[in-house]
Amino acid sequence: QVQLVESGGGLVQAGGSLRLSCAASGVTFSRLNMGWFRQAPGKERDFVASIRYDGDSTRYASTVKGRFTISRDNVQNTMYLQMNSLKTEDTDVYYCAAGSREIVAGAYGSWGQGTQVTVSS
């Protein structure tokens, strides 16, 4: 059973940076496509970025492209999301997900518990 644990969220001023981590266990991580999503209270979970199992292909939502970078370390069984030039509208709970590279949340089979990112003006 896949277990995913996010970390690295917090409070940052607009224009600042954060790096989120997603540690995976209970699975052969190097075979898993992975993704990041975010969700505000009362809203749907939105796609942020995804990465192929070998790290060689990535995709991004238009709202974060050029500011966020997804990466992974298949030795450390960890995925990352480097977030730069943060905006107040990036404030959300961020979730990592396993099993797909699609932009729809329903395509993913496993989810972490989420980590809060708050960007202040």
C-alpha atoms as a PDB file:
ATOM      1  CA  GLN A   1       0.000   0.000   0.000  1.00  0.00           C
ATOM      2  CA  VAL A   2       1.350   3.371  -1.029  1.00  0.00           C
ATOM      3  CA  GLN A   3       1.926   5.879   1.724  1.00  0.00           C
ATOM      4  CA  LEU A   4       2.628   9.492   0.826  1.00  0.00           C
ATOM      5  CA  VAL A   5       3.704  12.160   3.289  1.00  0.00           C
ATOM      6  CA  GLU A   6       4.012  15.805   2.280  1.00  0.00           C
ATOM      7  CA  SER A   7       6.136  18.372   4.073  1.00  0.00           C
ATOM      8  CA  GLY A   8       7.564  21.819   3.497  1.00  0.00           C
ATOM      9  CA  GLY A   9       4.455  23.946   3.568  1.00  0.00           C
ATOM     10  CA  GLY A  10       4.246  27.151   5.543  1.00  0.00           C
ATOM     11  CA  LEU A  11       3.755  30.900   5.468  1.00  0.00           C
ATOM     12  CA  VAL A  12       5.715  32.979   2.988  1.00  0.00           C
ATOM     13  CA  GLN A  13       5.468  36.488   1.611  1.00  0.00           C
ATOM     14  CA  ALA A  14       4.472  37.104  -1.982  1.00  0.00           C
ATOM     15  CA  GLY A  15       7.477  36.781  -4.239  1.00  0.00           C
ATOM     16  CA  GLY A  16       9.095  34.243  -1.969  1.00  0.00           C
ATOM     17  CA  SER A  17       9.835  30.549  -2.407  1.00  0.00           C
ATOM     18  CA  LEU A  18       9.007  27.234  -0.805  1.00  0.00           C
ATOM     19  CA  ARG A  19       9.955  23.664  -1.582  1.00  0.00           C
ATOM     20  CA  LEU A  20       7.479  20.916  -0.910  1.00  0.00           C
ATOM     21  CA  SER A  21       8.512  17.304  -0.471  1.00  0.00           C
ATOM     22  CA  CYS A  22       6.511  14.114  -0.830  1.00  0.00           C
ATOM     23  CA  ALA A  23       8.058  11.005   0.696  1.00  0.00           C
ATOM     24  CA  ALA A  24       6.722   7.685  -0.567  1.00  0.00           C
ATOM     25  CA  SER A  25       6.835   4.265   1.039  1.00  0.00           C
ATOM     26  CA  GLY A  26       5.279   0.852   0.529  1.00  0.00           C
ATOM     27  CA  VAL A  27       5.810   0.977  -3.193  1.00  0.00           C
ATOM     28  CA  THR A  28       8.445   0.779  -5.912  1.00  0.00           C
ATOM     29  CA  PHE A  29       8.641   4.522  -6.252  1.00  0.00           C
ATOM     30  CA  SER A  30      10.721   4.497  -9.423  1.00  0.00           C
ATOM     31  CA  ARG A  31       7.832   2.899 -11.315  1.00  0.00           C
ATOM     32  CA  LEU A  32       5.236   5.445 -10.269  1.00  0.00           C
ATOM     33  CA  ASN A  33       4.045   8.470 -12.167  1.00  0.00           C
ATOM     34  CA  MET A  34       3.356  11.227  -9.650  1.00  0.00           C
ATOM     35  CA  GLY A  35       1.603  14.535  -9.393  1.00  0.00           C
ATOM     36  CA  TRP A  36       0.898  17.594  -7.264  1.00  0.00           C
ATOM     37  CA  PHE A  37      -2.547  19.087  -6.768  1.00  0.00           C
ATOM     38  CA  ARG A  38      -3.892  21.913  -4.672  1.00  0.00           C
ATOM     39  CA  GLN A  39      -7.240  22.665  -3.145  1.00  0.00           C
ATOM     40  CA  ALA A  40      -8.924  25.588  -1.463  1.00  0.00           C
ATOM     41  CA  PRO A  41     -11.802  25.082   0.996  1.00  0.00           C
ATOM     42  CA  GLY A  42     -15.025  24.336  -0.830  1.00  0.00           C
ATOM     43  CA  LYS A  43     -13.344  24.055  -4.203  1.00  0.00           C
ATOM     44  CA  GLU A  44     -12.227  21.230  -6.442  1.00  0.00           C
ATOM     45  CA  ARG A  45      -8.747  19.794  -6.284  1.00  0.00           C
ATOM     46  CA  ASP A  46      -6.748  21.415  -9.081  1.00  0.00           C
ATOM     47  CA  PHE A  47      -3.827  19.994 -11.011  1.00  0.00           C
ATOM     48  CA  VAL A  48      -0.479  21.684 -10.429  1.00  0.00           C
ATOM     49  CA  ALA A  49       2.188  19.471 -12.010  1.00  0.00           C
ATOM     50  CA  SER A  50       3.049  15.876 -12.779  1.00  0.00           C
ATOM     51  CA  ILE A  51       6.170  13.881 -13.509  1.00  0.00           C
ATOM     52  CA  ARG A  52       6.863  10.607 -15.239  1.00  0.00           C
ATOM     53  CA  TYR A  53       8.251   7.684 -13.252  1.00  0.00           C
ATOM     54  CA  ASP A  54      11.785   8.293 -14.578  1.00  0.00           C
ATOM     55  CA  GLY A  55      11.662  12.063 -14.215  1.00  0.00           C
ATOM     56  CA  ASP A  56      12.186  12.619 -17.914  1.00  0.00           C
ATOM     57  CA  SER A  57       8.834  14.198 -18.656  1.00  0.00           C
ATOM     58  CA  THR A  58       6.874  16.803 -16.759  1.00  0.00           C
ATOM     59  CA  ARG A  59       3.740  18.832 -17.255  1.00  0.00           C
ATOM     60  CA  TYR A  60       2.411  21.934 -15.531  1.00  0.00           C
ATOM     61  CA  ALA A  61      -0.766  23.870 -15.102  1.00  0.00           C
ATOM     62  CA  SER A  62      -0.649  27.144 -17.003  1.00  0.00           C
ATOM     63  CA  THR A  63      -1.051  29.050 -13.731  1.00  0.00           C
ATOM     64  CA  VAL A  64       2.265  27.787 -12.364  1.00  0.00           C
ATOM     65  CA  LYS A  65       4.367  27.169 -15.461  1.00  0.00           C
ATOM     66  CA  GLY A  66       7.631  29.069 -15.290  1.00  0.00           C
ATOM     67  CA  ARG A  67       7.367  29.523 -11.516  1.00  0.00           C
ATOM     68  CA  PHE A  68       7.094  25.969 -10.166  1.00  0.00           C
ATOM     69  CA  THR A  69       9.384  23.016 -10.864  1.00  0.00           C
ATOM     70  CA  ILE A  70       8.518  19.398 -10.181  1.00  0.00           C
ATOM     71  CA  SER A  71      11.295  16.884  -9.680  1.00  0.00           C
ATOM     72  CA  ARG A  72      11.967  13.549  -8.048  1.00  0.00           C
ATOM     73  CA  ASP A  73      14.733  11.504  -6.486  1.00  0.00           C
ATOM     74  CA  ASN A  74      14.131   7.816  -7.112  1.00  0.00           C
ATOM     75  CA  VAL A  75      16.892   6.847  -4.702  1.00  0.00           C
ATOM     76  CA  GLN A  76      15.363   8.827  -1.846  1.00  0.00           C
ATOM     77  CA  ASN A  77      11.795   7.872  -2.897  1.00  0.00           C
ATOM     78  CA  THR A  78      10.847  11.528  -2.777  1.00  0.00           C
ATOM     79  CA  MET A  79       9.149  13.976  -5.098  1.00  0.00           C
ATOM     80  CA  TYR A  80       9.575  17.728  -4.859  1.00  0.00           C
ATOM     81  CA  LEU A  81       7.794  20.888  -5.882  1.00  0.00           C
ATOM     82  CA  GLN A  82       9.971  23.987  -5.959  1.00  0.00           C
ATOM     83  CA  MET A  83       7.722  27.022  -5.875  1.00  0.00           C
ATOM     84  CA  ASN A  84       9.204  30.401  -6.769  1.00  0.00           C
ATOM     85  CA  SER A  85       7.684  33.844  -7.269  1.00  0.00           C
ATOM     86  CA  LEU A  86       4.772  32.841  -5.094  1.00  0.00           C
ATOM     87  CA  LYS A  87       1.536  34.788  -5.362  1.00  0.00           C
ATOM     88  CA  THR A  88      -1.294  35.169  -2.875  1.00  0.00           C
ATOM     89  CA  GLU A  89      -3.474  33.107  -5.188  1.00  0.00           C
ATOM     90  CA  ASP A  90      -1.115  30.148  -4.672  1.00  0.00           C
ATOM     91  CA  THR A  91      -2.461  29.844  -1.124  1.00  0.00           C
ATOM     92  CA  ASP A  92      -3.971  26.356  -0.838  1.00  0.00           C
ATOM     93  CA  VAL A  93      -3.511  22.941   0.651  1.00  0.00           C
ATOM     94  CA  TYR A  94      -1.077  21.052  -1.569  1.00  0.00           C
ATOM     95  CA  TYR A  95      -1.391  17.308  -2.075  1.00  0.00           C
ATOM     96  CA  CYS A  96       0.915  14.797  -3.683  1.00  0.00           C
ATOM     97  CA  ALA A  97      -0.628  11.914  -5.580  1.00  0.00           C
ATOM     98  CA  ALA A  98       0.575   8.676  -7.109  1.00  0.00           C
ATOM     99  CA  GLY A  99      -0.345   6.572 -10.092  1.00  0.00           C
ATOM    100  CA  SER A 100      -0.827   8.916 -13.028  1.00  0.00           C
ATOM    101  CA  ARG A 101       0.362  11.983 -14.929  1.00  0.00           C
ATOM    102  CA  GLU A 102      -3.092  13.173 -15.855  1.00  0.00           C
ATOM    103  CA  ILE A 103      -4.565  16.530 -14.901  1.00  0.00           C
ATOM    104  CA  VAL A 104      -7.691  15.046 -13.334  1.00  0.00           C
ATOM    105  CA  ALA A 105      -7.589  14.051  -9.686  1.00  0.00           C
ATOM    106  CA  GLY A 106      -9.669  10.947 -10.279  1.00  0.00           C
ATOM    107  CA  ALA A 107      -6.860   9.364 -12.273  1.00  0.00           C
ATOM    108  CA  TYR A 108      -4.675   9.036  -9.178  1.00  0.00           C
ATOM    109  CA  GLY A 109      -4.974   6.133  -6.778  1.00  0.00           C
ATOM    110  CA  SER A 110      -3.129   7.349  -3.701  1.00  0.00           C
ATOM    111  CA  TRP A 111      -2.935  10.684  -1.916  1.00  0.00           C
ATOM    112  CA  GLY A 112      -0.993  12.298   0.850  1.00  0.00           C
ATOM    113  CA  GLN A 113      -2.586  14.173   3.741  1.00  0.00           C
ATOM    114  CA  GLY A 114      -1.772  17.602   2.334  1.00  0.00           C
ATOM    115  CA  THR A 115       0.379  20.498   3.444  1.00  0.00           C
ATOM    116  CA  GLN A 116      -0.804  24.090   3.824  1.00  0.00           C
ATOM    117  CA  VAL A 117       0.862  26.827   1.812  1.00  0.00           C
ATOM    118  CA  THR A 118      -0.071  30.384   2.705  1.00  0.00           C
ATOM    119  CA  VAL A 119       1.244  33.334   0.734  1.00  0.00           C
ATOM    120  CA  SER A 120       0.793  36.736   2.340  1.00  0.00           C
ATOM    121  CA  SER A 121       0.752  40.063   0.536  1.00  0.00           C
END
